[in-house]
Structures are given as structure tokens and as C-alpha cells.
C-alpha atoms as a PDB file:
ATOM      1  CA  UNK A   1      29.341  -3.259  -2.575  1.00  0.00           C
ATOM      2  CA  UNK A   2      28.911  -2.383   1.109  1.00  0.00           C
ATOM      3  CA  UNK A   3      28.329  -5.080   3.742  1.00  0.00           C
ATOM      4  CA  UNK A   4      24.591  -3.775   4.078  1.00  0.00           C
ATOM      5  CA  UNK A   5      23.863  -4.494   0.455  1.00  0.00           C
ATOM      6  CA  UNK A   6      22.382  -7.798  -0.445  1.00  0.00           C
ATOM      7  CA  UNK A   7      23.413  -9.435  -3.765  1.00  0.00           C
ATOM      8  CA  UNK A   8      19.828 -10.763  -4.015  1.00  0.00           C
ATOM      9  CA  UNK A   9      18.401  -7.365  -4.369  1.00  0.00           C
ATOM     10  CA  UNK A  10      15.777  -5.591  -2.306  1.00  0.00           C
ATOM     11  CA  UNK A  11      13.630  -7.514   0.081  1.00  0.00           C
ATOM     12  CA  UNK A  12      10.121  -8.161  -1.145  1.00  0.00           C
ATOM     13  CA  UNK A  13       7.072  -8.006   1.071  1.00  0.00           C
ATOM     14  CA  UNK A  14       5.764 -11.504   1.630  1.00  0.00           C
ATOM     15  CA  UNK A  15       2.145 -11.210   3.051  1.00  0.00           C
ATOM     16  CA  UNK A  16       1.925 -14.904   3.955  1.00  0.00           C
ATOM     17  CA  UNK A  17       5.201 -14.764   5.896  1.00  0.00           C
ATOM     18  CA  UNK A  18       3.949 -11.449   7.572  1.00  0.00           C
ATOM     19  CA  UNK A  19       0.690 -13.210   8.499  1.00  0.00           C
ATOM     20  CA  UNK A  20       2.571 -16.258   9.948  1.00  0.00           C
ATOM     21  CA  UNK A  21       4.964 -14.074  11.836  1.00  0.00           C
ATOM     22  CA  UNK A  22       2.212 -11.943  13.309  1.00  0.00           C
ATOM     23  CA  UNK A  23       0.471 -15.064  14.458  1.00  0.00           C
ATOM     24  CA  UNK A  24       3.607 -16.596  16.006  1.00  0.00           C
ATOM     25  CA  UNK A  25       4.369 -13.339  17.774  1.00  0.00           C
ATOM     26  CA  UNK A  26       0.779 -12.863  19.075  1.00  0.00           C
ATOM     27  CA  UNK A  27       0.317  -9.560  17.038  1.00  0.00           C
ATOM     28  CA  UNK A  28      -3.354 -10.642  16.284  1.00  0.00           C
ATOM     29  CA  UNK A  29      -6.667  -8.815  16.724  1.00  0.00           C
ATOM     30  CA  UNK A  30      -9.733 -11.080  16.667  1.00  0.00           C
ATOM     31  CA  UNK A  31     -12.661  -9.055  15.462  1.00  0.00           C
ATOM     32  CA  UNK A  32     -16.013  -9.199  17.059  1.00  0.00           C
ATOM     33  CA  UNK A  33     -17.355 -11.009  14.000  1.00  0.00           C
ATOM     34  CA  UNK A  34     -14.781 -13.702  14.028  1.00  0.00           C
ATOM     35  CA  UNK A  35     -15.411 -14.297  17.674  1.00  0.00           C
ATOM     36  CA  UNK A  36     -19.118 -14.800  17.038  1.00  0.00           C
ATOM     37  CA  UNK A  37     -18.415 -17.156  14.139  1.00  0.00           C
ATOM     38  CA  UNK A  38     -15.883 -19.295  16.022  1.00  0.00           C
ATOM     39  CA  UNK A  39     -18.593 -19.805  18.760  1.00  0.00           C
ATOM     40  CA  UNK A  40     -21.226 -20.654  16.210  1.00  0.00           C
ATOM     41  CA  UNK A  41     -18.895 -23.076  14.444  1.00  0.00           C
ATOM     42  CA  UNK A  42     -17.398 -24.773  17.551  1.00  0.00           C
ATOM     43  CA  UNK A  43     -13.990 -23.558  16.633  1.00  0.00           C
ATOM     44  CA  UNK A  44     -11.350 -21.936  18.857  1.00  0.00           C
ATOM     45  CA  UNK A  45      -8.545 -19.483  18.394  1.00  0.00           C
ATOM     46  CA  UNK A  46      -5.817 -21.992  19.447  1.00  0.00           C
ATOM     47  CA  UNK A  47      -6.749 -24.453  16.564  1.00  0.00           C
ATOM     48  CA  UNK A  48      -6.383 -21.585  14.034  1.00  0.00           C
ATOM     49  CA  UNK A  49      -3.023 -20.532  15.526  1.00  0.00           C
ATOM     50  CA  UNK A  50      -1.777 -24.062  15.542  1.00  0.00           C
ATOM     51  CA  UNK A  51      -2.736 -24.440  11.841  1.00  0.00           C
ATOM     52  CA  UNK A  52      -0.395 -21.558  10.786  1.00  0.00           C
ATOM     53  CA  UNK A  53       1.850 -23.852   8.826  1.00  0.00           C
ATOM     54  CA  UNK A  54      -1.009 -24.873   6.589  1.00  0.00           C
ATOM     55  CA  UNK A  55      -1.886 -21.281   5.617  1.00  0.00           C
ATOM     56  CA  UNK A  56      -1.981 -20.618   1.862  1.00  0.00           C
ATOM     57  CA  UNK A  57      -3.150 -17.294   0.292  1.00  0.00           C
ATOM     58  CA  UNK A  58      -5.833 -18.145  -2.386  1.00  0.00           C
ATOM     59  CA  UNK A  59      -7.296 -14.599  -2.997  1.00  0.00           C
ATOM     60  CA  UNK A  60      -5.814 -11.192  -2.572  1.00  0.00           C
ATOM     61  CA  UNK A  61      -7.796  -7.919  -1.829  1.00  0.00           C
ATOM     62  CA  UNK A  62      -5.134  -5.201  -1.979  1.00  0.00           C
ATOM     63  CA  UNK A  63      -7.674  -2.366  -2.097  1.00  0.00           C
ATOM     64  CA  UNK A  64      -9.971  -3.732   0.692  1.00  0.00           C
ATOM     65  CA  UNK A  65     -11.820  -1.072   2.724  1.00  0.00           C
ATOM     66  CA  UNK A  66      -9.373  -0.493   5.517  1.00  0.00           C
ATOM     67  CA  UNK A  67      -6.240  -2.378   4.776  1.00  0.00           C
ATOM     68  CA  UNK A  68      -5.069  -5.113   2.367  1.00  0.00           C
ATOM     69  CA  UNK A  69      -6.728  -8.367   3.044  1.00  0.00           C
ATOM     70  CA  UNK A  70      -6.202 -11.983   2.076  1.00  0.00           C
ATOM     71  CA  UNK A  71      -8.492 -15.113   1.887  1.00  0.00           C
ATOM     72  CA  UNK A  72      -6.439 -17.814   3.490  1.00  0.00           C
ATOM     73  CA  UNK A  73      -6.932 -21.607   2.999  1.00  0.00           C
ATOM     74  CA  UNK A  74      -5.936 -23.827   5.931  1.00  0.00           C
ATOM     75  CA  UNK A  75      -6.661 -27.267   7.464  1.00  0.00           C
ATOM     76  CA  UNK A  76      -8.113 -28.080  10.832  1.00  0.00           C
ATOM     77  CA  UNK A  77      -7.799 -31.818  11.294  1.00  0.00           C
ATOM     78  CA  UNK A  78      -7.674 -32.306   7.539  1.00  0.00           C
ATOM     79  CA  UNK A  79     -10.858 -30.365   7.103  1.00  0.00           C
ATOM     80  CA  UNK A  80     -10.575 -27.286   4.780  1.00  0.00           C
ATOM     81  CA  UNK A  81     -11.307 -23.837   6.214  1.00  0.00           C
ATOM     82  CA  UNK A  82     -10.956 -20.307   4.977  1.00  0.00           C
ATOM     83  CA  UNK A  83     -10.055 -17.126   7.012  1.00  0.00           C
ATOM     84  CA  UNK A  84     -10.158 -13.502   5.795  1.00  0.00           C
ATOM     85  CA  UNK A  85      -7.144 -11.793   7.428  1.00  0.00           C
ATOM     86  CA  UNK A  86      -6.370  -8.139   7.052  1.00  0.00           C
ATOM     87  CA  UNK A  87      -2.874  -6.967   7.373  1.00  0.00           C
ATOM     88  CA  UNK A  88      -1.528  -3.759   8.994  1.00  0.00           C
ATOM     89  CA  UNK A  89       2.227  -3.866   8.064  1.00  0.00           C
ATOM     90  CA  UNK A  90       2.660  -0.441   9.685  1.00  0.00           C
ATOM     91  CA  UNK A  91       1.322  -1.959  12.954  1.00  0.00           C
ATOM     92  CA  UNK A  92       2.653  -4.508  12.527  1.00  0.00           C
ATOM     93  CA  UNK A  93      -0.312  -6.829  13.223  1.00  0.00           C
ATOM     94  CA  UNK A  94      -3.127  -8.574  11.582  1.00  0.00           C
ATOM     95  CA  UNK A  95      -6.813  -8.738  12.180  1.00  0.00           C
ATOM     96  CA  UNK A  96      -8.641 -12.039  11.720  1.00  0.00           C
ATOM     97  CA  UNK A  97     -12.023 -10.988  10.236  1.00  0.00           C
ATOM     98  CA  UNK A  98     -13.845 -14.277   9.753  1.00  0.00           C
ATOM     99  CA  UNK A  99     -13.292 -17.982   9.571  1.00  0.00           C
ATOM    100  CA  UNK A 100     -15.523 -20.568   7.903  1.00  0.00           C
ATOM    101  CA  UNK A 101     -15.640 -24.006   6.294  1.00  0.00           C
ATOM    102  CA  UNK A 102     -16.106 -23.426   2.627  1.00  0.00           C
ATOM    103  CA  UNK A 103     -19.145 -24.615   0.707  1.00  0.00           C
ATOM    104  CA  UNK A 104     -18.292 -27.613  -1.564  1.00  0.00           C
ATOM    105  CA  UNK A 105     -20.816 -26.283  -4.130  1.00  0.00           C
ATOM    106  CA  UNK A 106     -18.949 -22.985  -4.470  1.00  0.00           C
ATOM    107  CA  UNK A 107     -15.359 -24.005  -4.549  1.00  0.00           C
ATOM    108  CA  UNK A 108     -13.134 -26.481  -6.491  1.00  0.00           C
ATOM    109  CA  UNK A 109     -12.482 -29.903  -5.092  1.00  0.00           C
ATOM    110  CA  UNK A 110      -9.293 -28.538  -3.332  1.00  0.00           C
ATOM    111  CA  UNK A 111     -11.314 -25.538  -1.971  1.00  0.00           C
ATOM    112  CA  UNK A 112      -8.747 -23.193  -3.360  1.00  0.00           C
ATOM    113  CA  UNK A 113     -10.659 -21.734  -6.389  1.00  0.00           C
ATOM    114  CA  UNK A 114     -14.080 -20.357  -6.545  1.00  0.00           C
ATOM    115  CA  UNK A 115     -16.398 -22.155  -9.055  1.00  0.00           C
ATOM    116  CA  UNK A 116     -17.831 -20.001 -11.921  1.00  0.00           C
ATOM    117  CA  UNK A 117     -21.413 -19.101 -11.396  1.00  0.00           C
END
């Protein structure tokens, strides 16, 4: 086995780690839509960036319109929030599409699973 080979096998793409790294590296595009929503909801970009360690992927949209996207659960001051984040692994960068506080009537008590309708 050469020094370049890793006994653990090939590296797997971890979208959550990719998202976190892009945020930490500042490789983030904030869409027009999310900027409007942040103003409407009295949120700011710094709060979201600082919450990066609480991010969890709760839904995956691998065939989204332009690039793979993910619904992210995170907390701001112990309050649950969701973000839709599109990933451009070829970029590499992410696009934050929207951020919102989930509706308790549509989500499980931990805000990580949609309720059946």
C-alpha cells in the first residue's frame, strides 16, 4: 500500500461538514430572498454564522432545481430555526436560500420532522 492510500477507504462527501467549512471560510452567497427574510424576521447574518455548530441536516433535496440543497435545523438563543442551503461543491461555496422559525403546528416537538397532514 502506498503512503497516499488510506486504510479507511475513499473519502466520502459529508454535506454538513462542507456547509460548515464554507461558512467558516466565508464562502457563502446570501440570496436576495434570504436577505429580505432576515430583515423581516429581525435576524442577522452573524447570528446564523455563529450558530454553525448547532447545524443539523433534517431533509435532503439532491435533485433540487440548480444544485443539491438541504434543510438545516439550527438554534439561535435556544430557539429553533430552519435554513435552506444549496451547495456548490465545484465552487466550492454555498447559497443560503431562506431562514425561518418553524411553525409548531407543522413540525414535531423537536422541529426536526414534518408532521403528517
